[in-house]
Amino acid sequence: MDLDLSRHFLIAMPSLADPIFAKTLTFVCDHNDKGAMGVIVNRPVGMTLTTLFEQIDVELHRPDVAELPVCFGGPVQTDRGFVLHTPLGEWQSTLSVSDEMGLTTSKDILLAVGEGGGPEKMFVTLGYAGWEAGQLEAELAQNSWISVEADPEIIFALPAEERYDAALKLLGIDVAMLSDEAGHA
């Protein structure tokens, strides 16, 4: 496989009409010859970590993350929490995204955060986005997405509503420059 979009952003193009992915910014956590998986990083579900912790009946002793919004990460396993975090740490079920970053699905990370520990920076989604082998490549060929190497600070430091435009700026593109006819000049 020659295209590896791990640790890249997928920026939904205006032509991408699928309501699940329209105007989304997705962070690709893993991409290999079996397919790809990632999390949408700019679609808050209207719940903070405080609320999430109340729902799983865990006390939260991390004021720095209490008001972080929980996001819709994609249409797969929407009943499960996915924690994108840095540093990597040692958790029961973690996909290593890079030497510094992991995507963890085990509850031990949330329990550690509840106790006032856990990773320094974190981003929590319900669900993830998945692509079968060759599917993401086909969608890229159809101009559904443009990709750019991700800057994790966009996820960890910016509010959800600013992430899409910030990712476009990595490419030197202003959102106003995008049209439905991109790539068909």
C-alpha atoms as a PDB file:
ATOM      1  CA  MET A   1       0.000   0.000   0.000  1.00  0.00           C
ATOM      2  CA  ASP A   2       1.520   3.308  -1.020  1.00  0.00           C
ATOM      3  CA  LEU A   3      -0.973   5.685   0.576  1.00  0.00           C
ATOM      4  CA  ASP A   4      -0.821   5.864   4.360  1.00  0.00           C
ATOM      5  CA  LEU A   5      -3.020   8.571   5.815  1.00  0.00           C
ATOM      6  CA  SER A   6      -2.412   7.663   9.458  1.00  0.00           C
ATOM      7  CA  ARG A   7      -2.025  10.859  11.514  1.00  0.00           C
ATOM      8  CA  HIS A   8      -3.655  12.909   8.737  1.00  0.00           C
ATOM      9  CA  PHE A   9      -6.784  15.017   8.766  1.00  0.00           C
ATOM     10  CA  LEU A  10      -9.541  14.261   6.274  1.00  0.00           C
ATOM     11  CA  ILE A  11     -11.330  17.471   5.424  1.00  0.00           C
ATOM     12  CA  ALA A  12     -14.810  16.912   3.988  1.00  0.00           C
ATOM     13  CA  MET A  13     -15.299  18.698   0.694  1.00  0.00           C
ATOM     14  CA  PRO A  14     -18.551  20.565  -0.047  1.00  0.00           C
ATOM     15  CA  SER A  15     -19.433  17.803  -2.533  1.00  0.00           C
ATOM     16  CA  LEU A  16     -19.550  15.260   0.303  1.00  0.00           C
ATOM     17  CA  ALA A  17     -23.308  15.189   0.882  1.00  0.00           C
ATOM     18  CA  ASP A  18     -23.498  12.271   3.328  1.00  0.00           C
ATOM     19  CA  PRO A  19     -25.109  13.934   6.388  1.00  0.00           C
ATOM     20  CA  ILE A  20     -22.899  11.936   8.755  1.00  0.00           C
ATOM     21  CA  PHE A  21     -19.720  13.352   7.244  1.00  0.00           C
ATOM     22  CA  ALA A  22     -20.767  16.686   5.709  1.00  0.00           C
ATOM     23  CA  LYS A  23     -18.462  19.528   6.867  1.00  0.00           C
ATOM     24  CA  THR A  24     -16.497  17.195   9.124  1.00  0.00           C
ATOM     25  CA  LEU A  25     -12.855  17.075  10.049  1.00  0.00           C
ATOM     26  CA  THR A  26     -11.713  13.513  10.706  1.00  0.00           C
ATOM     27  CA  PHE A  27      -8.431  12.461  12.285  1.00  0.00           C
ATOM     28  CA  VAL A  28      -7.167   9.183  10.802  1.00  0.00           C
ATOM     29  CA  CYS A  29      -5.776   7.012  13.592  1.00  0.00           C
ATOM     30  CA  ASP A  30      -4.850   4.003  11.483  1.00  0.00           C
ATOM     31  CA  HIS A  31      -4.670   3.312   7.748  1.00  0.00           C
ATOM     32  CA  ASN A  32      -3.367   0.097   6.254  1.00  0.00           C
ATOM     33  CA  ASP A  33      -4.179  -2.385   3.492  1.00  0.00           C
ATOM     34  CA  LYS A  34      -7.185  -3.663   5.483  1.00  0.00           C
ATOM     35  CA  GLY A  35      -8.812  -0.237   5.637  1.00  0.00           C
ATOM     36  CA  ALA A  36      -8.796   2.879   7.781  1.00  0.00           C
ATOM     37  CA  MET A  37     -10.272   4.137  11.034  1.00  0.00           C
ATOM     38  CA  GLY A  38     -10.460   7.550  12.572  1.00  0.00           C
ATOM     39  CA  VAL A  39     -12.543   9.898  14.650  1.00  0.00           C
ATOM     40  CA  ILE A  40     -14.508  12.980  13.627  1.00  0.00           C
ATOM     41  CA  VAL A  41     -13.112  15.836  15.718  1.00  0.00           C
ATOM     42  CA  ASN A  42     -15.539  18.706  15.090  1.00  0.00           C
ATOM     43  CA  ARG A  43     -18.997  17.399  15.913  1.00  0.00           C
ATOM     44  CA  PRO A  44     -19.849  17.926  19.615  1.00  0.00           C
ATOM     45  CA  VAL A  45     -22.797  15.912  20.917  1.00  0.00           C
ATOM     46  CA  GLY A  46     -23.842  18.543  23.463  1.00  0.00           C
ATOM     47  CA  MET A  47     -22.322  16.723  26.415  1.00  0.00           C
ATOM     48  CA  THR A  48     -19.257  17.565  28.493  1.00  0.00           C
ATOM     49  CA  LEU A  49     -16.878  15.128  30.143  1.00  0.00           C
ATOM     50  CA  THR A  50     -18.573  15.978  33.429  1.00  0.00           C
ATOM     51  CA  THR A  51     -21.870  14.611  32.075  1.00  0.00           C
ATOM     52  CA  LEU A  52     -20.184  11.574  30.538  1.00  0.00           C
ATOM     53  CA  PHE A  53     -18.531  10.738  33.853  1.00  0.00           C
ATOM     54  CA  GLU A  54     -21.872  11.104  35.643  1.00  0.00           C
ATOM     55  CA  GLN A  55     -23.389   8.635  33.165  1.00  0.00           C
ATOM     56  CA  ILE A  56     -20.683   6.027  33.797  1.00  0.00           C
ATOM     57  CA  ASP A  57     -20.890   6.737  37.540  1.00  0.00           C
ATOM     58  CA  VAL A  58     -17.283   7.841  37.954  1.00  0.00           C
ATOM     59  CA  GLU A  59     -16.309  10.938  39.932  1.00  0.00           C
ATOM     60  CA  LEU A  60     -14.220  13.386  37.911  1.00  0.00           C
ATOM     61  CA  HIS A  61     -11.299  15.048  39.675  1.00  0.00           C
ATOM     62  CA  ARG A  62      -9.744  16.817  36.671  1.00  0.00           C
ATOM     63  CA  PRO A  63     -11.122  20.388  36.522  1.00  0.00           C
ATOM     64  CA  ASP A  64      -8.922  21.025  33.455  1.00  0.00           C
ATOM     65  CA  VAL A  65     -10.964  18.562  31.349  1.00  0.00           C
ATOM     66  CA  ALA A  66     -14.388  18.782  33.057  1.00  0.00           C
ATOM     67  CA  GLU A  67     -15.878  21.091  30.416  1.00  0.00           C
ATOM     68  CA  LEU A  68     -14.334  19.395  27.373  1.00  0.00           C
ATOM     69  CA  PRO A  69     -17.057  18.543  24.876  1.00  0.00           C
ATOM     70  CA  VAL A  70     -17.672  14.926  23.976  1.00  0.00           C
ATOM     71  CA  CYS A  71     -17.874  14.574  20.185  1.00  0.00           C
ATOM     72  CA  PHE A  72     -19.599  12.262  17.732  1.00  0.00           C
ATOM     73  CA  GLY A  73     -16.623  10.285  16.415  1.00  0.00           C
ATOM     74  CA  GLY A  74     -18.395   8.414  13.642  1.00  0.00           C
ATOM     75  CA  PRO A  75     -21.214   5.963  12.958  1.00  0.00           C
ATOM     76  CA  VAL A  76     -19.452   2.806  14.224  1.00  0.00           C
ATOM     77  CA  GLN A  77     -19.878   1.699  17.871  1.00  0.00           C
ATOM     78  CA  THR A  78     -21.570   4.938  18.943  1.00  0.00           C
ATOM     79  CA  ASP A  79     -22.256   3.434  22.384  1.00  0.00           C
ATOM     80  CA  ARG A  80     -18.519   3.239  23.114  1.00  0.00           C
ATOM     81  CA  GLY A  81     -16.156   5.952  24.205  1.00  0.00           C
ATOM     82  CA  PHE A  82     -12.909   6.534  22.326  1.00  0.00           C
ATOM     83  CA  VAL A  83     -10.211   8.617  23.973  1.00  0.00           C
ATOM     84  CA  LEU A  84      -7.559  10.204  21.766  1.00  0.00           C
ATOM     85  CA  HIS A  85      -4.764  11.237  24.075  1.00  0.00           C
ATOM     86  CA  THR A  86      -1.176  12.247  24.619  1.00  0.00           C
ATOM     87  CA  PRO A  87       1.108  10.994  26.056  1.00  0.00           C
ATOM     88  CA  LEU A  88       0.596   7.381  25.002  1.00  0.00           C
ATOM     89  CA  GLY A  89       0.713   5.791  28.475  1.00  0.00           C
ATOM     90  CA  GLU A  90      -0.066   2.194  29.380  1.00  0.00           C
ATOM     91  CA  TRP A  91      -3.756   1.274  29.058  1.00  0.00           C
ATOM     92  CA  GLN A  92      -5.584  -2.012  28.579  1.00  0.00           C
ATOM     93  CA  SER A  93      -6.822  -1.348  25.062  1.00  0.00           C
ATOM     94  CA  THR A  94      -4.898   1.273  23.107  1.00  0.00           C
ATOM     95  CA  LEU A  95      -4.169   1.719  19.430  1.00  0.00           C
ATOM     96  CA  SER A  96      -0.819   3.433  19.156  1.00  0.00           C
ATOM     97  CA  VAL A  97      -1.338   6.321  16.733  1.00  0.00           C
ATOM     98  CA  SER A  98       2.230   7.615  17.123  1.00  0.00           C
ATOM     99  CA  ASP A  99       5.030   7.483  19.693  1.00  0.00           C
ATOM    100  CA  GLU A 100       3.224  10.206  21.654  1.00  0.00           C
ATOM    101  CA  MET A 101      -0.458   9.581  20.907  1.00  0.00           C
ATOM    102  CA  GLY A 102      -2.933   6.777  21.432  1.00  0.00           C
ATOM    103  CA  LEU A 103      -6.603   5.976  20.921  1.00  0.00           C
ATOM    104  CA  THR A 104      -7.873   4.101  23.958  1.00  0.00           C
ATOM    105  CA  THR A 105     -11.206   2.329  24.385  1.00  0.00           C
ATOM    106  CA  SER A 106     -10.712   0.690  27.784  1.00  0.00           C
ATOM    107  CA  LYS A 107     -12.378   2.134  30.874  1.00  0.00           C
ATOM    108  CA  ASP A 108      -9.103   2.216  32.831  1.00  0.00           C
ATOM    109  CA  ILE A 109      -8.132   5.502  31.160  1.00  0.00           C
ATOM    110  CA  LEU A 110     -11.403   7.139  32.274  1.00  0.00           C
ATOM    111  CA  LEU A 111     -10.986   5.806  35.796  1.00  0.00           C
ATOM    112  CA  ALA A 112      -7.465   7.304  35.915  1.00  0.00           C
ATOM    113  CA  VAL A 113      -8.801  10.662  34.688  1.00  0.00           C
ATOM    114  CA  GLY A 114     -11.586  10.459  37.272  1.00  0.00           C
ATOM    115  CA  GLU A 115      -8.984  10.043  39.993  1.00  0.00           C
ATOM    116  CA  GLY A 116      -7.167  13.151  38.798  1.00  0.00           C
ATOM    117  CA  GLY A 117      -4.547  11.389  36.657  1.00  0.00           C
ATOM    118  CA  GLY A 118      -4.622  10.042  33.133  1.00  0.00           C
ATOM    119  CA  PRO A 119      -3.172  11.626  30.005  1.00  0.00           C
ATOM    120  CA  GLU A 120      -2.208  15.287  29.927  1.00  0.00           C
ATOM    121  CA  LYS A 121      -4.287  16.031  26.818  1.00  0.00           C
ATOM    122  CA  MET A 122      -7.378  14.166  25.733  1.00  0.00           C
ATOM    123  CA  PHE A 123     -10.250  14.256  23.292  1.00  0.00           C
ATOM    124  CA  VAL A 124     -13.264  11.978  23.747  1.00  0.00           C
ATOM    125  CA  THR A 125     -15.689  10.710  21.118  1.00  0.00           C
ATOM    126  CA  LEU A 126     -18.608   8.352  21.028  1.00  0.00           C
ATOM    127  CA  GLY A 127     -18.101   6.072  18.043  1.00  0.00           C
ATOM    128  CA  TYR A 128     -15.580   6.137  15.229  1.00  0.00           C
ATOM    129  CA  ALA A 129     -15.427   6.223  11.452  1.00  0.00           C
ATOM    130  CA  GLY A 130     -14.248   3.172   9.552  1.00  0.00           C
ATOM    131  CA  TRP A 131     -13.427   2.409   5.929  1.00  0.00           C
ATOM    132  CA  GLU A 132     -12.996  -0.986   4.302  1.00  0.00           C
ATOM    133  CA  ALA A 133      -9.900  -1.789   2.239  1.00  0.00           C
ATOM    134  CA  GLY A 134      -9.678   0.644  -0.694  1.00  0.00           C
ATOM    135  CA  GLN A 135     -12.801   2.585   0.338  1.00  0.00           C
ATOM    136  CA  LEU A 136     -10.999   5.685   1.608  1.00  0.00           C
ATOM    137  CA  GLU A 137      -8.750   5.756  -1.455  1.00  0.00           C
ATOM    138  CA  ALA A 138     -11.861   5.638  -3.668  1.00  0.00           C
ATOM    139  CA  GLU A 139     -13.516   8.478  -1.729  1.00  0.00           C
ATOM    140  CA  LEU A 140     -10.352  10.576  -2.081  1.00  0.00           C
ATOM    141  CA  ALA A 141     -10.354   9.908  -5.828  1.00  0.00           C
ATOM    142  CA  GLN A 142     -13.959  11.175  -5.952  1.00  0.00           C
ATOM    143  CA  ASN A 143     -12.905  14.458  -4.294  1.00  0.00           C
ATOM    144  CA  SER A 144     -14.984  13.679  -1.203  1.00  0.00           C
ATOM    145  CA  TRP A 145     -12.027  14.553   1.026  1.00  0.00           C
ATOM    146  CA  ILE A 146      -8.745  16.344   0.950  1.00  0.00           C
ATOM    147  CA  SER A 147      -6.070  15.234   3.358  1.00  0.00           C
ATOM    148  CA  VAL A 148      -3.306  17.031   5.175  1.00  0.00           C
ATOM    149  CA  GLU A 149      -0.806  15.931   7.788  1.00  0.00           C
ATOM    150  CA  ALA A 150      -2.494  16.550  11.115  1.00  0.00           C
ATOM    151  CA  ASP A 151      -1.414  19.044  13.718  1.00  0.00           C
ATOM    152  CA  PRO A 152      -2.613  17.458  17.000  1.00  0.00           C
ATOM    153  CA  GLU A 153      -2.818  20.910  18.617  1.00  0.00           C
ATOM    154  CA  ILE A 154      -5.840  21.619  16.404  1.00  0.00           C
ATOM    155  CA  ILE A 155      -7.637  18.784  18.200  1.00  0.00           C
ATOM    156  CA  PHE A 156      -6.334  19.407  21.700  1.00  0.00           C
ATOM    157  CA  ALA A 157      -6.130  23.211  21.823  1.00  0.00           C
ATOM    158  CA  LEU A 158      -8.906  24.626  19.612  1.00  0.00           C
ATOM    159  CA  PRO A 159     -12.664  24.605  20.194  1.00  0.00           C
ATOM    160  CA  ALA A 160     -14.539  22.129  17.965  1.00  0.00           C
ATOM    161  CA  GLU A 161     -16.069  24.829  15.771  1.00  0.00           C
ATOM    162  CA  GLU A 162     -12.625  26.193  14.795  1.00  0.00           C
ATOM    163  CA  ARG A 163     -10.965  22.895  13.879  1.00  0.00           C
ATOM    164  CA  TYR A 164     -12.264  22.523  10.298  1.00  0.00           C
ATOM    165  CA  ASP A 165     -11.054  25.967   9.204  1.00  0.00           C
ATOM    166  CA  ALA A 166      -7.747  25.484  11.056  1.00  0.00           C
ATOM    167  CA  ALA A 167      -7.108  22.237   9.170  1.00  0.00           C
ATOM    168  CA  LEU A 168      -7.826  23.972   5.860  1.00  0.00           C
ATOM    169  CA  LYS A 169      -5.299  26.653   6.804  1.00  0.00           C
ATOM    170  CA  LEU A 170      -2.640  23.910   7.061  1.00  0.00           C
ATOM    171  CA  LEU A 171      -3.156  23.580   3.299  1.00  0.00           C
ATOM    172  CA  GLY A 172      -3.226  27.343   2.801  1.00  0.00           C
ATOM    173  CA  ILE A 173      -6.922  27.209   1.913  1.00  0.00           C
ATOM    174  CA  ASP A 174      -9.601  29.565   3.172  1.00  0.00           C
ATOM    175  CA  VAL A 175     -13.013  27.931   3.581  1.00  0.00           C
ATOM    176  CA  ALA A 176     -14.479  30.593   1.291  1.00  0.00           C
ATOM    177  CA  MET A 177     -12.269  29.280  -1.547  1.00  0.00           C
ATOM    178  CA  LEU A 178     -14.016  25.909  -1.509  1.00  0.00           C
ATOM    179  CA  SER A 179     -16.814  25.301  -3.964  1.00  0.00           C
ATOM    180  CA  ASP A 180     -18.876  22.287  -4.889  1.00  0.00           C
ATOM    181  CA  GLU A 181     -16.918  22.156  -8.136  1.00  0.00           C
ATOM    182  CA  ALA A 182     -13.494  21.659  -6.540  1.00  0.00           C
ATOM    183  CA  GLY A 183     -11.280  19.635  -8.814  1.00  0.00           C
ATOM    184  CA  HIS A 184     -13.488  19.933 -11.884  1.00  0.00           C
ATOM    185  CA  ALA A 185     -12.049  23.042 -13.514  1.00  0.00           C
END
